[in-house]
Amino acid sequence: MSGASRQWSGLEKGAQFYLTSPLFWVKMTLFVLILLLEIWPMVTFIRWRMAVGRGVQPDTSRARELYLVNHIEMALVVLMVFVASFMARGIGR
C-alpha cells in the first residue's frame, strides 16, 4: 500500500499521530544527523575512487576519523531502531 493511500484510508495512523509524537521527532532528528554525518565520508570515498581511477594513490591519512564517524553512525542507526520500536508500542505518547 502506498504512503498516500495509507494516510487517507484510515487503516493506519494519520499524520496527526506522528506530528504530535515526541519520539517521531527524535527519530527524524537522528535520521537527519545520520545523513549529515554521512556527507563527509561519502564525498571522501568518491574522491578516493576518482583518484584511483586516474591512477593516483588517494590520501588515506584521515581513514581513522572516517572509521570513527562510521561507528557513530551505526550507533545512531541502532538508537533510531529502538526509538521506532518504542513508537510502535505506544511509548512516549
Protein backbone atom coordinates (compact mmCIF):
# COMPACT_ATOMS: atom_id res chain seq x y z
CA MET A 1 0.00 0.00 0.00
CA SER A 2 1.41 3.40 -0.86
CA GLY A 3 2.03 6.04 1.78
CA ALA A 4 -0.67 8.31 0.41
CA SER A 5 -3.34 5.63 0.43
CA ARG A 6 -2.41 4.60 3.97
CA GLN A 7 -2.60 8.22 5.05
CA TRP A 8 -6.15 8.78 3.84
CA SER A 9 -7.66 5.30 4.07
CA GLY A 10 -7.97 5.36 7.84
CA LEU A 11 -6.24 1.98 8.09
CA GLU A 12 -3.04 3.41 9.51
CA LYS A 13 -2.09 6.10 11.99
CA GLY A 14 -2.59 9.52 10.48
CA ALA A 15 -0.22 12.42 10.21
CA GLN A 16 -1.52 13.86 13.48
CA PHE A 17 -0.22 10.81 15.36
CA TYR A 18 3.29 11.33 14.02
CA LEU A 19 3.42 15.12 14.14
CA THR A 20 2.42 15.18 17.81
CA SER A 21 4.73 12.34 18.85
CA PRO A 22 7.96 13.46 20.55
CA LEU A 23 9.57 10.14 19.64
CA PHE A 24 8.81 10.73 15.97
CA TRP A 25 10.78 13.97 16.13
CA VAL A 26 13.62 12.21 17.96
CA LYS A 27 13.67 9.59 15.21
CA MET A 28 13.65 12.22 12.46
CA THR A 29 16.42 14.17 14.22
CA LEU A 30 18.53 11.01 14.42
CA PHE A 31 17.86 10.35 10.73
CA VAL A 32 18.94 13.86 9.70
CA LEU A 33 22.01 13.63 11.95
CA ILE A 34 23.00 10.34 10.29
CA LEU A 35 22.57 11.90 6.84
CA LEU A 36 24.66 14.92 7.80
CA LEU A 37 27.39 12.75 9.29
CA GLU A 38 27.50 10.67 6.09
CA ILE A 39 28.27 13.61 3.81
CA TRP A 40 31.98 13.77 4.70
CA PRO A 41 32.71 10.03 4.26
CA MET A 42 30.65 9.86 1.08
CA VAL A 43 32.48 12.80 -0.53
CA THR A 44 35.83 11.42 0.65
CA PHE A 45 35.20 7.95 -0.79
CA ILE A 46 34.04 9.43 -4.10
CA ARG A 47 37.24 11.47 -4.29
CA TRP A 48 39.32 8.41 -3.43
CA ARG A 49 37.60 6.41 -6.16
CA MET A 50 38.19 9.18 -8.68
CA ALA A 51 41.87 9.36 -7.67
CA VAL A 52 42.27 5.60 -8.07
CA GLY A 53 40.55 5.87 -11.45
CA ARG A 54 43.18 8.41 -12.51
CA GLY A 55 45.94 6.11 -11.27
CA VAL A 56 46.77 8.30 -8.26
CA GLN A 57 47.19 6.96 -4.74
CA PRO A 58 44.46 8.61 -2.58
CA ASP A 59 45.39 10.31 0.68
CA THR A 60 44.04 7.90 3.29
CA SER A 61 45.54 9.71 6.27
CA ARG A 62 42.07 10.51 7.65
CA ALA A 63 40.74 6.96 7.34
CA ARG A 64 40.79 6.52 11.13
CA GLU A 65 38.49 9.53 11.54
CA LEU A 66 36.15 8.10 8.90
CA TYR A 67 36.15 4.83 10.84
CA LEU A 68 35.05 6.72 13.95
CA VAL A 69 32.30 8.57 12.06
CA ASN A 70 31.09 5.24 10.68
CA HIS A 71 30.81 3.79 14.17
CA ILE A 72 28.94 6.86 15.43
CA GLU A 73 26.51 6.49 12.53
CA MET A 74 25.99 2.80 13.32
CA ALA A 75 25.22 3.62 16.95
CA LEU A 76 22.73 6.28 15.85
CA VAL A 77 21.01 3.82 13.49
CA VAL A 78 20.64 1.31 16.34
CA LEU A 79 19.24 4.07 18.55
CA MET A 80 16.83 5.09 15.78
CA VAL A 81 15.56 1.50 15.53
CA PHE A 82 14.92 1.45 19.28
CA VAL A 83 13.05 4.77 19.09
CA ALA A 84 10.95 3.42 16.21
CA SER A 85 10.06 0.30 18.18
CA PHE A 86 9.12 2.42 21.19
CA MET A 87 6.83 4.44 18.94
CA ALA A 88 5.23 1.28 17.58
CA ARG A 89 4.47 0.16 21.13
CA GLY A 90 2.91 3.49 22.07
CA ILE A 91 5.66 4.56 24.46
CA GLY A 92 6.13 8.30 24.74
CA ARG A 93 2.57 9.31 23.96
